[in-house]
N, C-alpha and C. Protein backbone atom coordinates (compact mmCIF):
# COMPACT_ATOMS: atom_id res chain seq x y z
N MET A 1 13.97 1.52 7.72
CA MET A 1 13.58 0.37 6.93
C MET A 1 12.16 -0.03 7.32
N CYS A 2 11.39 -0.38 6.31
CA CYS A 2 10.04 -0.89 6.51
C CYS A 2 10.13 -2.41 6.56
N ILE A 3 9.39 -3.01 7.46
CA ILE A 3 9.45 -4.45 7.66
C ILE A 3 8.10 -5.07 7.36
N GLY A 4 8.13 -6.18 6.62
CA GLY A 4 6.94 -6.97 6.36
C GLY A 4 7.18 -8.39 6.83
N TYR A 5 6.24 -9.26 6.57
CA TYR A 5 6.36 -10.63 7.05
C TYR A 5 5.83 -11.60 5.99
N TYR A 6 6.18 -12.86 6.16
CA TYR A 6 5.78 -13.93 5.26
C TYR A 6 4.62 -14.69 5.89
N SER A 7 3.56 -14.89 5.13
CA SER A 7 2.40 -15.62 5.65
C SER A 7 1.64 -16.26 4.50
N GLU A 8 1.36 -17.53 4.62
CA GLU A 8 0.52 -18.26 3.66
C GLU A 8 1.00 -18.10 2.22
N GLY A 9 2.32 -18.10 2.03
CA GLY A 9 2.88 -18.03 0.68
C GLY A 9 3.07 -16.64 0.12
N TRP A 10 2.85 -15.60 0.91
CA TRP A 10 2.96 -14.22 0.44
C TRP A 10 3.82 -13.40 1.39
N TYR A 11 4.52 -12.40 0.84
CA TYR A 11 5.14 -11.38 1.66
C TYR A 11 4.13 -10.25 1.80
N ILE A 12 3.96 -9.77 3.01
CA ILE A 12 2.89 -8.83 3.35
C ILE A 12 3.47 -7.65 4.13
N VAL A 13 2.95 -6.44 3.87
CA VAL A 13 3.28 -5.28 4.69
C VAL A 13 1.98 -4.68 5.21
N ASN A 14 2.01 -4.27 6.47
CA ASN A 14 0.87 -3.57 7.05
C ASN A 14 1.14 -2.08 6.94
N THR A 15 0.16 -1.35 6.43
CA THR A 15 0.31 0.08 6.18
C THR A 15 -0.94 0.81 6.67
N PHE A 16 -0.89 2.12 6.55
CA PHE A 16 -2.07 2.97 6.71
C PHE A 16 -2.15 3.84 5.47
N LEU A 17 -3.37 4.11 5.00
CA LEU A 17 -3.54 5.00 3.85
C LEU A 17 -3.98 6.37 4.34
N LEU A 18 -3.38 7.39 3.75
CA LEU A 18 -3.67 8.77 4.14
C LEU A 18 -4.29 9.50 2.95
N SER A 19 -5.51 9.98 3.15
CA SER A 19 -6.23 10.71 2.11
C SER A 19 -7.40 11.43 2.76
N PRO A 20 -7.76 12.61 2.24
CA PRO A 20 -8.96 13.28 2.77
C PRO A 20 -10.23 12.46 2.54
N ASN A 21 -10.19 11.50 1.62
CA ASN A 21 -11.37 10.70 1.29
C ASN A 21 -11.50 9.45 2.15
N ILE A 22 -10.59 9.26 3.11
CA ILE A 22 -10.63 8.09 3.99
C ILE A 22 -11.05 8.55 5.38
N GLN A 23 -12.05 7.88 5.94
CA GLN A 23 -12.62 8.32 7.21
C GLN A 23 -12.00 7.66 8.43
N LEU A 24 -11.48 6.45 8.31
CA LEU A 24 -11.00 5.70 9.47
C LEU A 24 -9.51 5.39 9.35
N MET A 25 -8.78 5.49 10.44
CA MET A 25 -7.36 5.15 10.46
C MET A 25 -7.23 3.68 10.86
N GLU A 26 -7.41 2.81 9.90
CA GLU A 26 -7.34 1.37 10.10
C GLU A 26 -6.20 0.81 9.27
N PRO A 27 -5.49 -0.20 9.76
CA PRO A 27 -4.39 -0.76 8.97
C PRO A 27 -4.90 -1.46 7.71
N VAL A 28 -4.08 -1.38 6.66
CA VAL A 28 -4.37 -2.07 5.41
C VAL A 28 -3.22 -3.03 5.15
N ARG A 29 -3.56 -4.28 4.93
CA ARG A 29 -2.59 -5.33 4.67
C ARG A 29 -2.42 -5.47 3.16
N PHE A 30 -1.21 -5.15 2.67
CA PHE A 30 -0.91 -5.27 1.25
C PHE A 30 -0.02 -6.47 1.00
N ILE A 31 -0.37 -7.27 0.01
CA ILE A 31 0.50 -8.34 -0.48
C ILE A 31 1.49 -7.71 -1.44
N ILE A 32 2.76 -8.01 -1.27
CA ILE A 32 3.78 -7.51 -2.20
C ILE A 32 3.66 -8.32 -3.48
N ASP A 33 3.28 -7.64 -4.57
CA ASP A 33 3.03 -8.31 -5.83
C ASP A 33 3.97 -7.77 -6.90
N THR A 34 5.05 -8.49 -7.13
CA THR A 34 6.05 -8.03 -8.10
C THR A 34 5.56 -8.17 -9.55
N ALA A 35 4.41 -8.78 -9.76
CA ALA A 35 3.85 -8.89 -11.11
C ALA A 35 2.85 -7.77 -11.41
N SER A 36 2.47 -7.00 -10.40
CA SER A 36 1.49 -5.94 -10.58
C SER A 36 2.18 -4.61 -10.87
N GLU A 37 1.75 -3.93 -11.91
CA GLU A 37 2.34 -2.63 -12.23
C GLU A 37 1.90 -1.54 -11.26
N THR A 38 0.69 -1.66 -10.75
CA THR A 38 0.14 -0.61 -9.89
C THR A 38 -0.33 -1.18 -8.56
N THR A 39 -0.44 -0.30 -7.59
CA THR A 39 -0.98 -0.65 -6.29
C THR A 39 -2.50 -0.59 -6.37
N ILE A 40 -3.14 -1.64 -5.87
CA ILE A 40 -4.60 -1.74 -5.97
C ILE A 40 -5.16 -2.05 -4.58
N LEU A 41 -6.08 -1.22 -4.13
CA LEU A 41 -6.78 -1.42 -2.87
C LEU A 41 -8.02 -2.26 -3.14
N SER A 42 -8.18 -3.34 -2.37
CA SER A 42 -9.37 -4.19 -2.57
C SER A 42 -10.62 -3.43 -2.12
N PRO A 43 -11.77 -3.73 -2.73
CA PRO A 43 -13.00 -3.07 -2.30
C PRO A 43 -13.34 -3.35 -0.84
N SER A 44 -13.04 -4.55 -0.36
CA SER A 44 -13.36 -4.85 1.04
C SER A 44 -12.51 -4.00 1.99
N ASP A 45 -11.22 -3.79 1.66
CA ASP A 45 -10.40 -2.90 2.47
C ASP A 45 -10.88 -1.45 2.35
N ALA A 46 -11.28 -1.05 1.15
CA ALA A 46 -11.78 0.32 0.95
C ALA A 46 -13.01 0.59 1.82
N ILE A 47 -13.91 -0.36 1.87
CA ILE A 47 -15.12 -0.21 2.70
C ILE A 47 -14.73 -0.19 4.18
N ARG A 48 -13.81 -1.07 4.58
CA ARG A 48 -13.41 -1.17 5.99
C ARG A 48 -12.77 0.11 6.51
N ILE A 49 -12.02 0.83 5.66
CA ILE A 49 -11.38 2.07 6.11
C ILE A 49 -12.23 3.31 5.87
N GLY A 50 -13.45 3.10 5.38
CA GLY A 50 -14.38 4.21 5.22
C GLY A 50 -14.10 5.09 4.02
N LEU A 51 -13.59 4.52 2.94
CA LEU A 51 -13.32 5.29 1.73
C LEU A 51 -14.62 5.77 1.12
N ASP A 52 -14.68 7.04 0.77
CA ASP A 52 -15.85 7.62 0.12
C ASP A 52 -15.77 7.30 -1.37
N PHE A 53 -16.52 6.30 -1.81
CA PHE A 53 -16.48 5.87 -3.21
C PHE A 53 -16.98 6.96 -4.15
N ARG A 54 -17.79 7.89 -3.66
CA ARG A 54 -18.29 8.97 -4.52
C ARG A 54 -17.17 9.90 -4.97
N SER A 55 -16.04 9.89 -4.24
CA SER A 55 -14.91 10.76 -4.58
C SER A 55 -14.00 10.15 -5.64
N LEU A 56 -14.27 8.91 -6.03
CA LEU A 56 -13.40 8.21 -6.97
C LEU A 56 -13.89 8.40 -8.41
N VAL A 57 -12.95 8.28 -9.35
CA VAL A 57 -13.30 8.33 -10.76
C VAL A 57 -12.96 6.98 -11.40
N ARG A 58 -13.69 6.65 -12.42
CA ARG A 58 -13.46 5.37 -13.12
C ARG A 58 -12.17 5.46 -13.92
N ASN A 59 -11.34 4.45 -13.79
CA ASN A 59 -10.11 4.37 -14.57
C ASN A 59 -10.50 4.09 -16.02
N PRO A 60 -10.09 4.96 -16.97
CA PRO A 60 -10.47 4.74 -18.37
C PRO A 60 -9.76 3.53 -19.00
N ASN A 61 -8.66 3.10 -18.39
CA ASN A 61 -7.91 1.96 -18.92
C ASN A 61 -8.17 0.73 -18.07
N PRO A 62 -8.52 -0.39 -18.69
CA PRO A 62 -8.77 -1.59 -17.90
C PRO A 62 -7.49 -2.12 -17.28
N THR A 63 -7.63 -2.72 -16.12
CA THR A 63 -6.53 -3.42 -15.47
C THR A 63 -6.55 -4.85 -15.97
N ILE A 64 -5.39 -5.33 -16.40
CA ILE A 64 -5.29 -6.67 -16.96
C ILE A 64 -4.44 -7.51 -16.02
N GLY A 65 -4.96 -8.65 -15.62
CA GLY A 65 -4.23 -9.53 -14.71
C GLY A 65 -4.55 -10.98 -15.00
N VAL A 66 -4.20 -11.82 -14.06
CA VAL A 66 -4.42 -13.26 -14.22
C VAL A 66 -5.90 -13.56 -14.47
N GLY A 67 -6.77 -12.83 -13.82
CA GLY A 67 -8.21 -13.09 -13.95
C GLY A 67 -8.86 -12.43 -15.15
N GLY A 68 -8.09 -11.74 -15.99
CA GLY A 68 -8.65 -11.07 -17.16
C GLY A 68 -8.63 -9.56 -17.00
N ARG A 69 -9.56 -8.89 -17.67
CA ARG A 69 -9.64 -7.43 -17.65
C ARG A 69 -10.75 -6.98 -16.69
N THR A 70 -10.48 -5.88 -16.02
CA THR A 70 -11.51 -5.27 -15.18
C THR A 70 -11.23 -3.78 -15.10
N HIS A 71 -12.27 -3.00 -14.92
CA HIS A 71 -12.09 -1.57 -14.72
C HIS A 71 -12.00 -1.29 -13.23
N THR A 72 -11.07 -0.44 -12.86
CA THR A 72 -10.89 -0.06 -11.47
C THR A 72 -11.30 1.40 -11.30
N LEU A 73 -11.27 1.84 -10.07
CA LEU A 73 -11.52 3.23 -9.73
C LEU A 73 -10.19 3.85 -9.33
N ILE A 74 -10.12 5.17 -9.34
CA ILE A 74 -8.88 5.87 -9.02
C ILE A 74 -9.07 6.71 -7.75
N LEU A 75 -8.16 6.52 -6.79
CA LEU A 75 -8.06 7.36 -5.60
C LEU A 75 -6.84 8.24 -5.79
N ASN A 76 -7.06 9.53 -5.94
CA ASN A 76 -5.98 10.48 -6.19
C ASN A 76 -5.35 10.98 -4.90
N ASN A 77 -4.08 11.39 -5.01
CA ASN A 77 -3.36 12.06 -3.93
C ASN A 77 -3.44 11.29 -2.62
N VAL A 78 -2.69 10.20 -2.54
CA VAL A 78 -2.75 9.31 -1.39
C VAL A 78 -1.35 9.07 -0.83
N GLY A 79 -1.28 8.90 0.46
CA GLY A 79 -0.03 8.52 1.12
C GLY A 79 -0.15 7.11 1.66
N ILE A 80 0.92 6.34 1.50
CA ILE A 80 0.98 5.00 2.09
C ILE A 80 1.99 5.07 3.22
N ALA A 81 1.52 4.88 4.45
CA ALA A 81 2.37 5.00 5.64
C ALA A 81 2.80 3.63 6.11
N PHE A 82 4.12 3.43 6.15
CA PHE A 82 4.70 2.19 6.64
C PHE A 82 5.24 2.46 8.05
N PRO A 83 4.66 1.86 9.09
CA PRO A 83 5.24 2.05 10.43
C PRO A 83 6.67 1.50 10.46
N LEU A 84 7.57 2.24 11.08
CA LEU A 84 8.96 1.82 11.20
C LEU A 84 9.19 1.17 12.56
N ILE A 85 10.15 0.27 12.62
CA ILE A 85 10.47 -0.40 13.87
C ILE A 85 11.15 0.60 14.81
N THR A 86 10.53 0.83 15.94
CA THR A 86 11.08 1.75 16.96
C THR A 86 10.81 1.15 18.33
N ARG A 87 11.49 1.69 19.32
CA ARG A 87 11.27 1.26 20.70
C ARG A 87 10.75 2.43 21.51
N GLY A 88 9.99 2.12 22.54
CA GLY A 88 9.49 3.17 23.42
C GLY A 88 8.26 3.86 22.87
N ARG A 89 7.98 5.03 23.43
CA ARG A 89 6.77 5.78 23.06
C ARG A 89 6.94 6.58 21.77
N ARG A 90 8.16 6.93 21.43
CA ARG A 90 8.41 7.71 20.21
C ARG A 90 8.37 6.78 19.01
N LYS A 91 7.55 7.10 18.05
CA LYS A 91 7.35 6.25 16.87
C LYS A 91 7.61 7.06 15.60
N ARG A 92 7.87 6.32 14.52
CA ARG A 92 8.06 6.96 13.22
C ARG A 92 7.35 6.14 12.15
N ALA A 93 6.94 6.83 11.11
CA ALA A 93 6.34 6.17 9.95
C ALA A 93 6.97 6.75 8.69
N HIS A 94 7.24 5.88 7.72
CA HIS A 94 7.73 6.28 6.41
C HIS A 94 6.50 6.42 5.52
N ILE A 95 6.32 7.58 4.90
CA ILE A 95 5.13 7.83 4.08
C ILE A 95 5.55 8.06 2.64
N GLU A 96 5.07 7.21 1.75
CA GLU A 96 5.27 7.38 0.31
C GLU A 96 4.08 8.15 -0.24
N HIS A 97 4.36 9.23 -0.96
CA HIS A 97 3.31 10.05 -1.54
C HIS A 97 3.10 9.64 -3.00
N LEU A 98 1.86 9.30 -3.33
CA LEU A 98 1.53 8.83 -4.67
C LEU A 98 0.47 9.74 -5.29
N ASP A 99 0.58 9.94 -6.61
CA ASP A 99 -0.46 10.69 -7.31
C ASP A 99 -1.79 9.96 -7.26
N LYS A 100 -1.71 8.61 -7.32
CA LYS A 100 -2.96 7.84 -7.33
C LYS A 100 -2.66 6.38 -7.00
N ILE A 101 -3.69 5.69 -6.52
CA ILE A 101 -3.70 4.24 -6.49
C ILE A 101 -5.04 3.81 -7.07
N GLU A 102 -5.12 2.55 -7.46
CA GLU A 102 -6.37 2.03 -7.99
C GLU A 102 -7.16 1.36 -6.87
N VAL A 103 -8.46 1.34 -7.04
CA VAL A 103 -9.35 0.67 -6.11
C VAL A 103 -10.16 -0.33 -6.93
N GLY A 104 -10.15 -1.59 -6.52
CA GLY A 104 -10.89 -2.62 -7.24
C GLY A 104 -12.38 -2.35 -7.22
N ASN A 105 -13.05 -2.73 -8.31
CA ASN A 105 -14.51 -2.56 -8.35
C ASN A 105 -15.19 -3.73 -7.64
N HIS A 106 -16.51 -3.77 -7.70
CA HIS A 106 -17.27 -4.79 -6.96
C HIS A 106 -16.96 -6.22 -7.42
N ASN A 107 -16.37 -6.41 -8.61
CA ASN A 107 -16.02 -7.75 -9.09
C ASN A 107 -14.65 -8.20 -8.59
N TRP A 108 -13.89 -7.30 -7.99
CA TRP A 108 -12.52 -7.59 -7.56
C TRP A 108 -12.55 -8.51 -6.35
N THR A 109 -11.89 -9.67 -6.44
CA THR A 109 -11.91 -10.63 -5.34
C THR A 109 -10.54 -10.83 -4.72
N LEU A 110 -9.51 -10.20 -5.28
CA LEU A 110 -8.16 -10.34 -4.74
C LEU A 110 -7.97 -9.44 -3.53
N PRO A 111 -6.96 -9.72 -2.71
CA PRO A 111 -6.63 -8.79 -1.62
C PRO A 111 -5.96 -7.54 -2.18
N SER A 112 -5.66 -6.59 -1.31
CA SER A 112 -4.95 -5.38 -1.72
C SER A 112 -3.53 -5.75 -2.14
N LEU A 113 -3.06 -5.14 -3.23
CA LEU A 113 -1.76 -5.48 -3.82
C LEU A 113 -0.85 -4.26 -3.87
N LEU A 114 0.38 -4.41 -3.41
CA LEU A 114 1.39 -3.37 -3.50
C LEU A 114 2.20 -3.64 -4.76
N GLY A 115 2.07 -2.76 -5.75
CA GLY A 115 2.66 -2.99 -7.06
C GLY A 115 3.93 -2.19 -7.31
N HIS A 116 4.40 -2.27 -8.55
CA HIS A 116 5.67 -1.64 -8.93
C HIS A 116 5.68 -0.12 -8.81
N ASP A 117 4.53 0.53 -8.85
CA ASP A 117 4.52 1.98 -8.68
C ASP A 117 5.10 2.37 -7.32
N VAL A 118 5.01 1.49 -6.34
CA VAL A 118 5.63 1.70 -5.02
C VAL A 118 6.91 0.89 -4.90
N LEU A 119 6.88 -0.37 -5.30
CA LEU A 119 8.03 -1.25 -5.10
C LEU A 119 9.29 -0.76 -5.81
N ASN A 120 9.15 -0.08 -6.96
CA ASN A 120 10.32 0.43 -7.68
C ASN A 120 11.09 1.49 -6.89
N ARG A 121 10.51 1.98 -5.82
CA ARG A 121 11.17 2.98 -4.98
C ARG A 121 12.04 2.36 -3.89
N PHE A 122 12.03 1.03 -3.80
CA PHE A 122 12.69 0.33 -2.70
C PHE A 122 13.62 -0.77 -3.20
N ASN A 123 14.66 -1.03 -2.42
CA ASN A 123 15.37 -2.29 -2.48
C ASN A 123 14.74 -3.16 -1.41
N PHE A 124 14.57 -4.43 -1.69
CA PHE A 124 14.05 -5.28 -0.62
C PHE A 124 14.81 -6.58 -0.55
N HIS A 125 14.86 -7.09 0.65
CA HIS A 125 15.54 -8.35 0.90
C HIS A 125 14.67 -9.18 1.84
N THR A 126 14.76 -10.49 1.65
CA THR A 126 13.95 -11.39 2.45
C THR A 126 14.83 -12.23 3.36
N SER A 127 14.26 -12.63 4.46
CA SER A 127 14.91 -13.56 5.38
C SER A 127 13.96 -14.72 5.60
N GLN A 128 14.26 -15.84 4.94
CA GLN A 128 13.42 -17.01 5.14
C GLN A 128 13.53 -17.51 6.58
N LYS A 129 14.71 -17.35 7.16
CA LYS A 129 14.92 -17.80 8.54
C LYS A 129 13.97 -17.09 9.51
N HIS A 130 13.79 -15.78 9.32
CA HIS A 130 12.94 -15.00 10.22
C HIS A 130 11.54 -14.77 9.65
N GLY A 131 11.32 -15.14 8.38
CA GLY A 131 10.02 -14.93 7.76
C GLY A 131 9.67 -13.47 7.58
N THR A 132 10.68 -12.67 7.22
CA THR A 132 10.46 -11.23 7.08
C THR A 132 10.94 -10.72 5.72
N ILE A 133 10.48 -9.54 5.37
CA ILE A 133 10.97 -8.81 4.22
C ILE A 133 11.27 -7.39 4.68
N GLY A 134 12.41 -6.87 4.26
CA GLY A 134 12.78 -5.50 4.59
C GLY A 134 12.77 -4.65 3.33
N LEU A 135 12.18 -3.48 3.40
CA LEU A 135 12.16 -2.54 2.27
C LEU A 135 12.95 -1.31 2.67
N THR A 136 13.98 -0.99 1.88
CA THR A 136 14.82 0.18 2.13
C THR A 136 14.65 1.15 0.96
N ARG A 137 14.32 2.40 1.26
CA ARG A 137 14.07 3.41 0.22
C ARG A 137 15.33 3.66 -0.57
N ILE A 138 15.23 3.66 -1.89
CA ILE A 138 16.33 4.04 -2.78
C ILE A 138 16.34 5.57 -2.83
N LYS A 139 17.42 6.18 -2.38
CA LYS A 139 17.46 7.65 -2.27
C LYS A 139 17.27 8.34 -3.60
N THR A 140 17.71 7.72 -4.69
CA THR A 140 17.61 8.35 -6.00
C THR A 140 16.33 7.98 -6.75
N ALA A 141 15.48 7.18 -6.13
CA ALA A 141 14.23 6.77 -6.79
C ALA A 141 13.29 7.96 -6.93
N PRO A 142 12.53 8.00 -8.03
CA PRO A 142 11.57 9.09 -8.18
C PRO A 142 10.44 8.97 -7.16
N GLY A 143 9.75 10.07 -6.95
CA GLY A 143 8.62 10.08 -6.03
C GLY A 143 8.98 10.72 -4.70
N ASP A 144 8.00 11.35 -4.10
CA ASP A 144 8.20 12.03 -2.83
C ASP A 144 7.88 11.10 -1.67
N TYR A 145 8.58 11.34 -0.57
CA TYR A 145 8.30 10.62 0.67
C TYR A 145 8.63 11.52 1.84
N SER A 146 8.15 11.13 3.00
CA SER A 146 8.45 11.88 4.22
C SER A 146 8.50 10.90 5.39
N ILE A 147 9.11 11.36 6.48
CA ILE A 147 9.14 10.59 7.72
C ILE A 147 8.31 11.37 8.73
N PHE A 148 7.34 10.69 9.32
CA PHE A 148 6.45 11.31 10.28
C PHE A 148 6.79 10.76 11.66
N CYS A 149 7.04 11.64 12.61
CA CYS A 149 7.37 11.24 13.99
C CYS A 149 6.19 11.57 14.90
N TYR A 150 5.92 10.68 15.84
CA TYR A 150 4.81 10.90 16.77
C TYR A 150 5.11 10.19 18.08
N THR A 151 4.39 10.56 19.13
CA THR A 151 4.58 9.99 20.44
C THR A 151 3.27 9.37 20.91
N LEU A 152 3.35 8.15 21.43
CA LEU A 152 2.18 7.51 22.00
C LEU A 152 2.00 7.99 23.43
N SER A 153 0.77 8.26 23.80
CA SER A 153 0.52 8.71 25.17
C SER A 153 0.23 7.57 26.10
């Protein structure tokens, strides 16, 4: 199970993005947005993780949201890694493999959003008492995923 937390009115998950076009292994904080159809990486997060913007293509279809229409960029072939709760030095991460995610353009002022393209793969439940959200993969959901195991030295 992937675990997120509640903060400032939002449920949030910390992830890592995996792509040949990303230079730095830095965490990305995604707000769980049940109103968003797609996952969108904010430009500030894209810059922070060293995304090569030259490798992106312009999305031919505008993204429509509360703030109106905007054109985004497309990052193809990306993995979203959710660290799993483990004890000790042995760690695991759940990795969702996506054909693409969107990247906000220079006008994008929202944070990174985890949309239905990912959320539809999970059941999730919240605990107001603990301020957490748990995401459990639906085994029959479409899309590829993997579990990555590693050891901290």
